[in-house]
Structure formats: C-alpha cells, structure tokens
Amino acid sequence: MSDTKLPPALTAPRTRALALCGALVTALFGVAAFVPLPYTLTFPGVTADTLGSYQDRPVLTITGAPVRSTQGQLRMVTISATNPGERNTFWRSLQAWFDPDEAVRPTETVYPQGDPAKAEEVTAQQMTESQDAATAAALSHLGLSPAQVKVKIDLGDIGGPSAGQMLALGIIDKLAGDGKGGDLTGGLTVAGTGTIDDQGVVGPVGGVPLKTQAAARDGATVFLLPKDECADAKVNTPAGLRLVPVGTLTESVSALEALRTGGAVPAC
C-alpha cells in the first residue's frame, strides 16, 4: 500500500517517526517481560510450634529441671524464597509485586555473593547464635543457671536469627508457664518473630508482612513482633490476626499475661 492511499495524518514524517518509536518500545517491553532479572521472589514459609515438634522431632528438649505439659502453641515463622539459580522475569516479578503473598527482593540480599552454600552457612550460624541467646535470656528471666538447666533446640534445616523470641518464650512456658500453674498462651495459638539477645532485647528481622500471612494460615490469632516493625506488619495484615509489638522478653511475657487476663495489650 502506498502513502497516497493513507490519511494525511498517518503519512506525515512526525507521525511515521512516532509510530516507529511506539513499535520499538512495544518490542522492548515484550522482550523485557521474558528476560531474567537479578531478583528473588519470597513468600510465606513454614511455621513451627516451639512447644511441640518439627519434622517429627521435639523442638525443645530440656534437662535439669521439671518440664510442664502445655496447651496452646508458640509458633515461630519463616519466609521461603525461589532458588538462586531461578531467574525471575519482569512479568513474573510484576505479578509478585501486586500479590500480598509474595515479595520481590534483589537476589544478593537473599543469597550473599550469589552463593547458596554461603547463604546456608550464614543462616545456620545465625540460628546457632539465636538459640544460645534465647536459652540464656529465658533462663535469666526465670532466675535459672545454664549450668543447672540444659536446653537442646532442633529446628531441622531452618536457619536465621528470627526465631529467637519464640524459642525463649517456649523455654519459659515449658519450665514455668505463667508462674501460677497455667500456660503463657492461655491456650491460644500465638505466632511471632524477632531476634533476641542474651539480655532479652527483641530486635527487628524484616519480612513481617509475609510472616503474618504464614502465621494466619497456620491458625495463629496473635502475632508478637518487634516494636520497630509495626508499620511493616500493618501492610496486608490478615483478618483476625492481632498484632502485639514488644521490645523485650519481659514485655512479651507481660503482653501474653494481659491477653489471658483481659488487661491492656500493646497494639500497632
């Protein structure tokens, strides 16, 4: 078809140039939609009851002191991620951006130096340190000595530091409950996240919006979290999940007492 058969508006040099640019942009977007990008998709992971078992093994094994039978649950939560070798396209990343059950993160922040073995090594070390700090904080809270009471923690291949708070609460509940013959949880399914140091200070961990999704999925109605992460936690909070911010292990125990007794409970 020659230009003489087209409307004048379509035969003008500027119009033809714009049309060509539009075609090129469309082609570029089409290619970009399928080109792998250096991003990793993350989504709600598994949860584990620190008062119960994980992968058919007890999470907490305590010797040197009487251990209580408990009701309710204290669930630590995790985030899962796509494999480091799995390259996610622009289109797939865009889908995840609008999905409350997924998040997009630069791959190097999930897998240091792009090495999954290095990432596993780092998270395993973080978990070991977290377990030691949780044990020290819990026993100190109860006025017990590590020389007297031994705690073994088994969470399989779960790594990272974010289970600290829930492990410490699990130890306290197993050993002393609420101090009056009852449980810390009051029979509720309580989930939570947060690092902990040996002084009982609860610290931020990241990924809270995905962790609240995992908690609600597995039956939690209460979610304990570091105070500094309230704003993040309120993004797509699951219906029926109560957010309870804390800064220390003592505050966590007090918040659980308030939940049991109808007292004032911190809220985001």
C-alpha atoms as a PDB file:
ATOM      1  CA  MET A   1       0.000   0.000   0.000  1.00  0.00           C
ATOM      2  CA  SER A   2       1.419   3.393  -0.953  1.00  0.00           C
ATOM      3  CA  ASP A   3       1.345   6.569   1.171  1.00  0.00           C
ATOM      4  CA  THR A   4      -1.138   8.159  -1.243  1.00  0.00           C
ATOM      5  CA  LYS A   5      -3.842   5.799  -0.025  1.00  0.00           C
ATOM      6  CA  LEU A   6      -3.341   6.643   3.670  1.00  0.00           C
ATOM      7  CA  PRO A   7      -4.883   9.578   5.539  1.00  0.00           C
ATOM      8  CA  PRO A   8      -2.531  12.589   5.594  1.00  0.00           C
ATOM      9  CA  ALA A   9      -2.151  12.362   9.382  1.00  0.00           C
ATOM     10  CA  LEU A  10      -0.554   8.946   9.015  1.00  0.00           C
ATOM     11  CA  THR A  11       1.796   9.902   6.202  1.00  0.00           C
ATOM     12  CA  ALA A  12       3.420  12.883   7.912  1.00  0.00           C
ATOM     13  CA  PRO A  13       7.117  12.281   8.810  1.00  0.00           C
ATOM     14  CA  ARG A  14       6.491  13.055  12.530  1.00  0.00           C
ATOM     15  CA  THR A  15       3.605  10.579  12.666  1.00  0.00           C
ATOM     16  CA  ARG A  16       5.675   7.854  10.999  1.00  0.00           C
ATOM     17  CA  ALA A  17       8.533   8.504  13.461  1.00  0.00           C
ATOM     18  CA  LEU A  18       6.209   8.270  16.458  1.00  0.00           C
ATOM     19  CA  ALA A  19       4.697   5.090  15.113  1.00  0.00           C
ATOM     20  CA  LEU A  20       8.159   3.599  14.683  1.00  0.00           C
ATOM     21  CA  CYS A  21       9.155   4.604  18.230  1.00  0.00           C
ATOM     22  CA  GLY A  22       5.950   3.104  19.575  1.00  0.00           C
ATOM     23  CA  ALA A  23       6.671  -0.160  17.790  1.00  0.00           C
ATOM     24  CA  LEU A  24      10.209  -0.239  19.203  1.00  0.00           C
ATOM     25  CA  VAL A  25       9.017   0.454  22.763  1.00  0.00           C
ATOM     26  CA  THR A  26       6.395  -2.260  22.454  1.00  0.00           C
ATOM     27  CA  ALA A  27       9.034  -4.694  21.233  1.00  0.00           C
ATOM     28  CA  LEU A  28      11.375  -3.761  24.086  1.00  0.00           C
ATOM     29  CA  PHE A  29       8.638  -4.312  26.683  1.00  0.00           C
ATOM     30  CA  GLY A  30       7.820  -7.629  25.058  1.00  0.00           C
ATOM     31  CA  VAL A  31      11.438  -8.763  25.349  1.00  0.00           C
ATOM     32  CA  ALA A  32      11.837  -7.379  28.893  1.00  0.00           C
ATOM     33  CA  ALA A  33       8.806  -9.335  30.061  1.00  0.00           C
ATOM     34  CA  PHE A  34      10.716 -12.566  29.491  1.00  0.00           C
ATOM     35  CA  VAL A  35      14.341 -11.586  30.187  1.00  0.00           C
ATOM     36  CA  PRO A  36      15.601 -12.960  33.548  1.00  0.00           C
ATOM     37  CA  LEU A  37      16.215 -10.281  36.194  1.00  0.00           C
ATOM     38  CA  PRO A  38      18.516 -10.402  39.269  1.00  0.00           C
ATOM     39  CA  TYR A  39      15.613 -10.628  41.719  1.00  0.00           C
ATOM     40  CA  THR A  40      14.382 -13.361  44.034  1.00  0.00           C
ATOM     41  CA  LEU A  41      10.754 -13.967  44.942  1.00  0.00           C
ATOM     42  CA  THR A  42       9.953 -14.510  48.617  1.00  0.00           C
ATOM     43  CA  PHE A  43       6.733 -15.825  50.118  1.00  0.00           C
ATOM     44  CA  PRO A  44       5.297 -17.146  53.411  1.00  0.00           C
ATOM     45  CA  GLY A  45       7.261 -20.151  54.645  1.00  0.00           C
ATOM     46  CA  VAL A  46       6.710 -22.872  57.208  1.00  0.00           C
ATOM     47  CA  THR A  47       5.888 -22.262  60.846  1.00  0.00           C
ATOM     48  CA  ALA A  48       6.900 -24.435  63.786  1.00  0.00           C
ATOM     49  CA  ASP A  49       5.418 -24.704  67.275  1.00  0.00           C
ATOM     50  CA  THR A  50       8.312 -24.267  69.717  1.00  0.00           C
ATOM     51  CA  LEU A  51       6.231 -26.145  72.321  1.00  0.00           C
ATOM     52  CA  GLY A  52       5.803 -29.123  70.011  1.00  0.00           C
ATOM     53  CA  SER A  53       7.664 -30.964  67.272  1.00  0.00           C
ATOM     54  CA  TYR A  54       9.099 -30.085  63.890  1.00  0.00           C
ATOM     55  CA  GLN A  55       9.769 -32.805  61.306  1.00  0.00           C
ATOM     56  CA  ASP A  56       8.824 -35.419  63.923  1.00  0.00           C
ATOM     57  CA  ARG A  57      11.425 -34.233  66.442  1.00  0.00           C
ATOM     58  CA  PRO A  58      10.762 -32.144  69.565  1.00  0.00           C
ATOM     59  CA  VAL A  59      11.841 -28.545  69.105  1.00  0.00           C
ATOM     60  CA  LEU A  60      12.829 -28.165  72.772  1.00  0.00           C
ATOM     61  CA  THR A  61      14.463 -30.857  74.881  1.00  0.00           C
ATOM     62  CA  ILE A  62      15.117 -29.625  78.410  1.00  0.00           C
ATOM     63  CA  THR A  63      17.014 -31.460  81.156  1.00  0.00           C
ATOM     64  CA  GLY A  64      17.988 -30.476  84.681  1.00  0.00           C
ATOM     65  CA  ALA A  65      14.531 -29.185  85.678  1.00  0.00           C
ATOM     66  CA  PRO A  66      10.924 -30.418  85.615  1.00  0.00           C
ATOM     67  CA  VAL A  67       9.155 -29.810  82.296  1.00  0.00           C
ATOM     68  CA  ARG A  68       5.462 -28.947  82.064  1.00  0.00           C
ATOM     69  CA  SER A  69       2.818 -30.261  79.710  1.00  0.00           C
ATOM     70  CA  THR A  70       1.480 -27.280  77.759  1.00  0.00           C
ATOM     71  CA  GLN A  71      -1.617 -26.224  75.876  1.00  0.00           C
ATOM     72  CA  GLY A  72      -1.740 -23.701  73.070  1.00  0.00           C
ATOM     73  CA  GLN A  73       1.081 -23.016  70.626  1.00  0.00           C
ATOM     74  CA  LEU A  74       4.015 -20.643  70.271  1.00  0.00           C
ATOM     75  CA  ARG A  75       4.837 -20.636  66.567  1.00  0.00           C
ATOM     76  CA  MET A  76       7.995 -19.253  65.008  1.00  0.00           C
ATOM     77  CA  VAL A  77       7.553 -18.285  61.356  1.00  0.00           C
ATOM     78  CA  THR A  78       9.747 -18.307  58.275  1.00  0.00           C
ATOM     79  CA  ILE A  79       9.998 -16.903  54.779  1.00  0.00           C
ATOM     80  CA  SER A  80      10.721 -19.068  51.732  1.00  0.00           C
ATOM     81  CA  ALA A  81      12.476 -17.937  48.552  1.00  0.00           C
ATOM     82  CA  THR A  82      12.946 -19.084  44.991  1.00  0.00           C
ATOM     83  CA  ASN A  83      16.228 -20.877  44.300  1.00  0.00           C
ATOM     84  CA  PRO A  84      19.244 -18.678  43.480  1.00  0.00           C
ATOM     85  CA  GLY A  85      19.542 -20.254  40.047  1.00  0.00           C
ATOM     86  CA  GLU A  86      15.921 -19.486  39.205  1.00  0.00           C
ATOM     87  CA  ARG A  87      15.878 -16.267  37.194  1.00  0.00           C
ATOM     88  CA  ASN A  88      12.648 -14.357  37.500  1.00  0.00           C
ATOM     89  CA  THR A  89      11.343 -12.314  34.586  1.00  0.00           C
ATOM     90  CA  PHE A  90       9.996  -8.782  34.653  1.00  0.00           C
ATOM     91  CA  TRP A  91       6.485 -10.111  34.112  1.00  0.00           C
ATOM     92  CA  ARG A  92       6.766 -12.646  36.957  1.00  0.00           C
ATOM     93  CA  SER A  93       8.241 -10.013  39.281  1.00  0.00           C
ATOM     94  CA  LEU A  94       5.436  -7.599  38.399  1.00  0.00           C
ATOM     95  CA  GLN A  95       2.868 -10.249  39.298  1.00  0.00           C
ATOM     96  CA  ALA A  96       4.586 -10.797  42.661  1.00  0.00           C
ATOM     97  CA  TRP A  97       4.633  -7.047  43.326  1.00  0.00           C
ATOM     98  CA  PHE A  98       0.838  -6.964  43.408  1.00  0.00           C
ATOM     99  CA  ASP A  99       0.422 -10.252  45.312  1.00  0.00           C
ATOM    100  CA  PRO A 100       0.221  -9.868  49.138  1.00  0.00           C
ATOM    101  CA  ASP A 101       1.594 -13.405  49.478  1.00  0.00           C
ATOM    102  CA  GLU A 102       4.825 -12.605  47.609  1.00  0.00           C
ATOM    103  CA  ALA A 103       7.599 -10.035  47.657  1.00  0.00           C
ATOM    104  CA  VAL A 104      10.460  -9.198  45.308  1.00  0.00           C
ATOM    105  CA  ARG A 105      13.989  -8.700  46.664  1.00  0.00           C
ATOM    106  CA  PRO A 106      17.410  -8.256  44.995  1.00  0.00           C
ATOM    107  CA  THR A 107      18.984 -11.701  44.826  1.00  0.00           C
ATOM    108  CA  GLU A 108      22.200 -10.575  46.531  1.00  0.00           C
ATOM    109  CA  THR A 109      20.249  -9.649  49.688  1.00  0.00           C
ATOM    110  CA  VAL A 110      18.823 -13.167  49.893  1.00  0.00           C
ATOM    111  CA  TYR A 111      21.857 -15.143  48.746  1.00  0.00           C
ATOM    112  CA  PRO A 112      25.131 -13.415  49.729  1.00  0.00           C
ATOM    113  CA  GLN A 113      27.549 -13.239  46.804  1.00  0.00           C
ATOM    114  CA  GLY A 114      25.047 -15.270  44.791  1.00  0.00           C
ATOM    115  CA  ASP A 115      26.241 -18.393  46.588  1.00  0.00           C
ATOM    116  CA  PRO A 116      23.519 -20.606  48.134  1.00  0.00           C
ATOM    117  CA  ALA A 117      26.136 -22.555  50.112  1.00  0.00           C
ATOM    118  CA  LYS A 118      27.379 -19.291  51.642  1.00  0.00           C
ATOM    119  CA  ALA A 119      23.803 -18.278  52.424  1.00  0.00           C
ATOM    120  CA  GLU A 120      23.137 -21.583  54.193  1.00  0.00           C
ATOM    121  CA  GLU A 121      26.360 -21.232  56.169  1.00  0.00           C
ATOM    122  CA  VAL A 122      25.434 -17.724  57.304  1.00  0.00           C
ATOM    123  CA  THR A 123      21.847 -18.586  58.281  1.00  0.00           C
ATOM    124  CA  ALA A 124      22.969 -21.749  60.102  1.00  0.00           C
ATOM    125  CA  GLN A 125      25.412 -19.700  62.175  1.00  0.00           C
ATOM    126  CA  GLN A 126      22.715 -17.118  62.872  1.00  0.00           C
ATOM    127  CA  MET A 127      20.365 -19.855  64.090  1.00  0.00           C
ATOM    128  CA  THR A 128      23.010 -21.280  66.436  1.00  0.00           C
ATOM    129  CA  GLU A 129      23.656 -17.849  67.921  1.00  0.00           C
ATOM    130  CA  SER A 130      19.904 -17.226  68.188  1.00  0.00           C
ATOM    131  CA  GLN A 131      19.354 -20.499  70.044  1.00  0.00           C
ATOM    132  CA  ASP A 132      22.139 -19.743  72.508  1.00  0.00           C
ATOM    133  CA  ALA A 133      20.813 -16.223  73.132  1.00  0.00           C
ATOM    134  CA  ALA A 134      17.215 -17.459  73.519  1.00  0.00           C
ATOM    135  CA  THR A 135      18.301 -20.049  76.082  1.00  0.00           C
ATOM    136  CA  ALA A 136      20.356 -17.521  78.047  1.00  0.00           C
ATOM    137  CA  ALA A 137      17.560 -14.917  78.017  1.00  0.00           C
ATOM    138  CA  ALA A 138      14.865 -17.405  79.062  1.00  0.00           C
ATOM    139  CA  LEU A 139      16.889 -18.934  81.899  1.00  0.00           C
ATOM    140  CA  SER A 140      17.908 -15.481  83.134  1.00  0.00           C
ATOM    141  CA  HIS A 141      14.245 -14.421  83.114  1.00  0.00           C
ATOM    142  CA  LEU A 142      13.442 -17.436  85.316  1.00  0.00           C
ATOM    143  CA  GLY A 143      16.446 -16.985  87.581  1.00  0.00           C
ATOM    144  CA  LEU A 144      17.961 -20.306  86.488  1.00  0.00           C
ATOM    145  CA  SER A 145      21.543 -21.144  85.606  1.00  0.00           C
ATOM    146  CA  PRO A 146      22.742 -22.641  82.308  1.00  0.00           C
ATOM    147  CA  ALA A 147      24.964 -24.876  84.394  1.00  0.00           C
ATOM    148  CA  GLN A 148      21.825 -26.282  86.023  1.00  0.00           C
ATOM    149  CA  VAL A 149      19.417 -26.463  83.089  1.00  0.00           C
ATOM    150  CA  LYS A 150      20.370 -27.692  79.631  1.00  0.00           C
ATOM    151  CA  VAL A 151      18.290 -26.863  76.569  1.00  0.00           C
ATOM    152  CA  LYS A 152      18.628 -28.585  73.207  1.00  0.00           C
ATOM    153  CA  ILE A 153      16.869 -26.937  70.257  1.00  0.00           C
ATOM    154  CA  ASP A 154      16.105 -28.722  67.000  1.00  0.00           C
ATOM    155  CA  LEU A 155      14.515 -26.879  64.086  1.00  0.00           C
ATOM    156  CA  GLY A 156      15.934 -29.048  61.330  1.00  0.00           C
ATOM    157  CA  ASP A 157      17.346 -27.036  58.452  1.00  0.00           C
ATOM    158  CA  ILE A 158      15.607 -23.772  59.384  1.00  0.00           C
ATOM    159  CA  GLY A 159      18.177 -21.005  59.619  1.00  0.00           C
ATOM    160  CA  GLY A 160      18.434 -17.344  60.522  1.00  0.00           C
ATOM    161  CA  PRO A 161      18.028 -15.387  63.754  1.00  0.00           C
ATOM    162  CA  SER A 162      14.320 -14.554  63.687  1.00  0.00           C
ATOM    163  CA  ALA A 163      13.070 -17.437  65.874  1.00  0.00           C
ATOM    164  CA  GLY A 164      14.816 -16.086  68.971  1.00  0.00           C
ATOM    165  CA  GLN A 165      11.836 -14.516  70.711  1.00  0.00           C
ATOM    166  CA  MET A 166       9.538 -17.518  70.209  1.00  0.00           C
ATOM    167  CA  LEU A 167      12.205 -20.002  71.324  1.00  0.00           C
ATOM    168  CA  ALA A 168      12.760 -18.040  74.537  1.00  0.00           C
ATOM    169  CA  LEU A 169       9.012 -17.962  75.235  1.00  0.00           C
ATOM    170  CA  GLY A 170       8.801 -21.688  74.547  1.00  0.00           C
ATOM    171  CA  ILE A 171      11.514 -22.406  77.125  1.00  0.00           C
ATOM    172  CA  ILE A 172       9.761 -20.248  79.714  1.00  0.00           C
ATOM    173  CA  ASP A 173       6.401 -21.908  79.078  1.00  0.00           C
ATOM    174  CA  LYS A 174       7.917 -25.400  79.298  1.00  0.00           C
ATOM    175  CA  LEU A 175       9.636 -24.636  82.584  1.00  0.00           C
ATOM    176  CA  ALA A 176       7.322 -22.243  84.403  1.00  0.00           C
ATOM    177  CA  GLY A 177       4.237 -21.423  82.361  1.00  0.00           C
ATOM    178  CA  ASP A 178       2.561 -18.326  83.726  1.00  0.00           C
ATOM    179  CA  GLY A 179       4.010 -18.986  87.172  1.00  0.00           C
ATOM    180  CA  LYS A 180       0.573 -19.875  88.542  1.00  0.00           C
ATOM    181  CA  GLY A 181       0.066 -23.318  87.097  1.00  0.00           C
ATOM    182  CA  GLY A 182      -1.246 -22.131  83.734  1.00  0.00           C
ATOM    183  CA  ASP A 183       0.220 -21.613  80.274  1.00  0.00           C
ATOM    184  CA  LEU A 184       1.766 -18.484  78.812  1.00  0.00           C
ATOM    185  CA  THR A 185      -0.522 -18.786  75.799  1.00  0.00           C
ATOM    186  CA  GLY A 186      -3.778 -19.225  77.697  1.00  0.00           C
ATOM    187  CA  GLY A 187      -4.485 -21.980  75.181  1.00  0.00           C
ATOM    188  CA  LEU A 188      -4.191 -19.659  72.154  1.00  0.00           C
ATOM    189  CA  THR A 189      -2.129 -20.181  69.028  1.00  0.00           C
ATOM    190  CA  VAL A 190       0.406 -17.383  69.234  1.00  0.00           C
ATOM    191  CA  ALA A 191       2.931 -16.739  66.469  1.00  0.00           C
ATOM    192  CA  GLY A 192       5.738 -14.256  66.350  1.00  0.00           C
ATOM    193  CA  THR A 193       9.116 -13.152  65.116  1.00  0.00           C
ATOM    194  CA  GLY A 194      12.064 -11.181  66.369  1.00  0.00           C
ATOM    195  CA  THR A 195      15.705 -11.697  67.199  1.00  0.00           C
ATOM    196  CA  ILE A 196      16.720 -11.843  70.833  1.00  0.00           C
ATOM    197  CA  ASP A 197      19.995 -11.233  72.629  1.00  0.00           C
ATOM    198  CA  ASP A 198      21.120 -12.793  75.894  1.00  0.00           C
ATOM    199  CA  GLN A 199      19.760  -9.756  77.766  1.00  0.00           C
ATOM    200  CA  GLY A 200      16.272 -10.392  76.378  1.00  0.00           C
ATOM    201  CA  VAL A 201      16.125  -7.475  73.933  1.00  0.00           C
ATOM    202  CA  VAL A 202      13.874  -8.222  70.949  1.00  0.00           C
ATOM    203  CA  GLY A 203      15.143  -6.901  67.614  1.00  0.00           C
ATOM    204  CA  PRO A 204      13.771  -6.449  64.055  1.00  0.00           C
ATOM    205  CA  VAL A 205      14.111  -9.127  61.414  1.00  0.00           C
ATOM    206  CA  GLY A 206      12.357  -7.981  58.217  1.00  0.00           C
ATOM    207  CA  GLY A 207       9.779  -9.720  56.061  1.00  0.00           C
ATOM    208  CA  VAL A 208       6.993  -9.261  58.595  1.00  0.00           C
ATOM    209  CA  PRO A 209       4.129  -8.861  56.049  1.00  0.00           C
ATOM    210  CA  LEU A 210       4.896 -12.330  54.673  1.00  0.00           C
ATOM    211  CA  LYS A 211       5.303 -13.802  58.138  1.00  0.00           C
ATOM    212  CA  THR A 212       1.897 -12.588  59.265  1.00  0.00           C
ATOM    213  CA  GLN A 213       0.420 -14.390  56.259  1.00  0.00           C
ATOM    214  CA  ALA A 214       2.157 -17.622  57.302  1.00  0.00           C
ATOM    215  CA  ALA A 215       1.004 -17.181  60.907  1.00  0.00           C
ATOM    216  CA  ALA A 216      -2.653 -16.693  59.983  1.00  0.00           C
ATOM    217  CA  ARG A 217      -2.518 -19.582  57.516  1.00  0.00           C
ATOM    218  CA  ASP A 218      -1.400 -21.901  60.330  1.00  0.00           C
ATOM    219  CA  GLY A 219      -4.054 -20.830  62.794  1.00  0.00           C
ATOM    220  CA  ALA A 220      -2.494 -18.016  64.819  1.00  0.00           C
ATOM    221  CA  THR A 221      -4.739 -15.286  66.214  1.00  0.00           C
ATOM    222  CA  VAL A 222      -1.956 -13.311  67.919  1.00  0.00           C
ATOM    223  CA  PHE A 223       1.328 -12.163  66.392  1.00  0.00           C
ATOM    224  CA  LEU A 224       4.210 -10.899  68.560  1.00  0.00           C
ATOM    225  CA  LEU A 225       6.664  -8.659  66.730  1.00  0.00           C
ATOM    226  CA  PRO A 226       9.435  -6.139  67.372  1.00  0.00           C
ATOM    227  CA  LYS A 227       8.118  -2.647  68.072  1.00  0.00           C
ATOM    228  CA  ASP A 228      10.113  -1.142  65.218  1.00  0.00           C
ATOM    229  CA  GLU A 229       8.254  -3.253  62.653  1.00  0.00           C
ATOM    230  CA  CYS A 230       4.684  -2.201  63.380  1.00  0.00           C
ATOM    231  CA  ALA A 231       4.387  -0.142  60.198  1.00  0.00           C
ATOM    232  CA  ASP A 232       5.508  -3.075  58.059  1.00  0.00           C
ATOM    233  CA  ALA A 233       3.228  -5.500  59.879  1.00  0.00           C
ATOM    234  CA  LYS A 234       0.156  -3.407  59.104  1.00  0.00           C
ATOM    235  CA  VAL A 235       0.662  -3.980  55.362  1.00  0.00           C
ATOM    236  CA  ASN A 236      -1.944  -6.560  54.287  1.00  0.00           C
ATOM    237  CA  THR A 237      -2.493  -7.788  57.842  1.00  0.00           C
ATOM    238  CA  PRO A 238      -4.633 -10.952  57.705  1.00  0.00           C
ATOM    239  CA  ALA A 239      -8.138 -10.596  59.127  1.00  0.00           C
ATOM    240  CA  GLY A 240      -8.409 -11.836  62.695  1.00  0.00           C
ATOM    241  CA  LEU A 241      -4.679 -11.578  63.466  1.00  0.00           C
ATOM    242  CA  ARG A 242      -3.888  -9.341  66.440  1.00  0.00           C
ATOM    243  CA  LEU A 243      -0.536  -7.529  66.213  1.00  0.00           C
ATOM    244  CA  VAL A 244       1.272  -7.166  69.550  1.00  0.00           C
ATOM    245  CA  PRO A 245       4.517  -5.132  69.494  1.00  0.00           C
ATOM    246  CA  VAL A 246       7.199  -5.762  72.135  1.00  0.00           C
ATOM    247  CA  GLY A 247      10.746  -4.627  72.843  1.00  0.00           C
ATOM    248  CA  THR A 248      11.965  -7.175  75.380  1.00  0.00           C
ATOM    249  CA  LEU A 249      11.276 -10.704  76.528  1.00  0.00           C
ATOM    250  CA  THR A 250       9.754  -9.315  79.739  1.00  0.00           C
ATOM    251  CA  GLU A 251       7.338  -7.241  77.647  1.00  0.00           C
ATOM    252  CA  SER A 252       6.420 -10.357  75.646  1.00  0.00           C
ATOM    253  CA  VAL A 253       5.589 -12.281  78.812  1.00  0.00           C
ATOM    254  CA  SER A 254       3.601  -9.323  80.146  1.00  0.00           C
ATOM    255  CA  ALA A 255       1.668  -8.989  76.878  1.00  0.00           C
ATOM    256  CA  LEU A 256       0.712 -12.667  76.994  1.00  0.00           C
ATOM    257  CA  GLU A 257      -0.431 -12.229  80.603  1.00  0.00           C
ATOM    258  CA  ALA A 258      -2.593  -9.276  79.554  1.00  0.00           C
ATOM    259  CA  LEU A 259      -4.131 -11.384  76.790  1.00  0.00           C
ATOM    260  CA  ARG A 260      -5.005 -14.101  79.315  1.00  0.00           C
ATOM    261  CA  THR A 261      -6.417 -11.789  81.943  1.00  0.00           C
ATOM    262  CA  GLY A 262      -8.122  -9.140  79.823  1.00  0.00           C
ATOM    263  CA  GLY A 263      -5.591  -6.430  80.613  1.00  0.00           C
ATOM    264  CA  ALA A 264      -4.259  -3.695  78.336  1.00  0.00           C
ATOM    265  CA  VAL A 265      -2.433  -5.289  75.414  1.00  0.00           C
ATOM    266  CA  PRO A 266       0.056  -3.308  73.263  1.00  0.00           C
ATOM    267  CA  ALA A 267      -1.114  -2.786  69.692  1.00  0.00           C
ATOM    268  CA  CYS A 268       0.356  -1.492  66.434  1.00  0.00           C
END
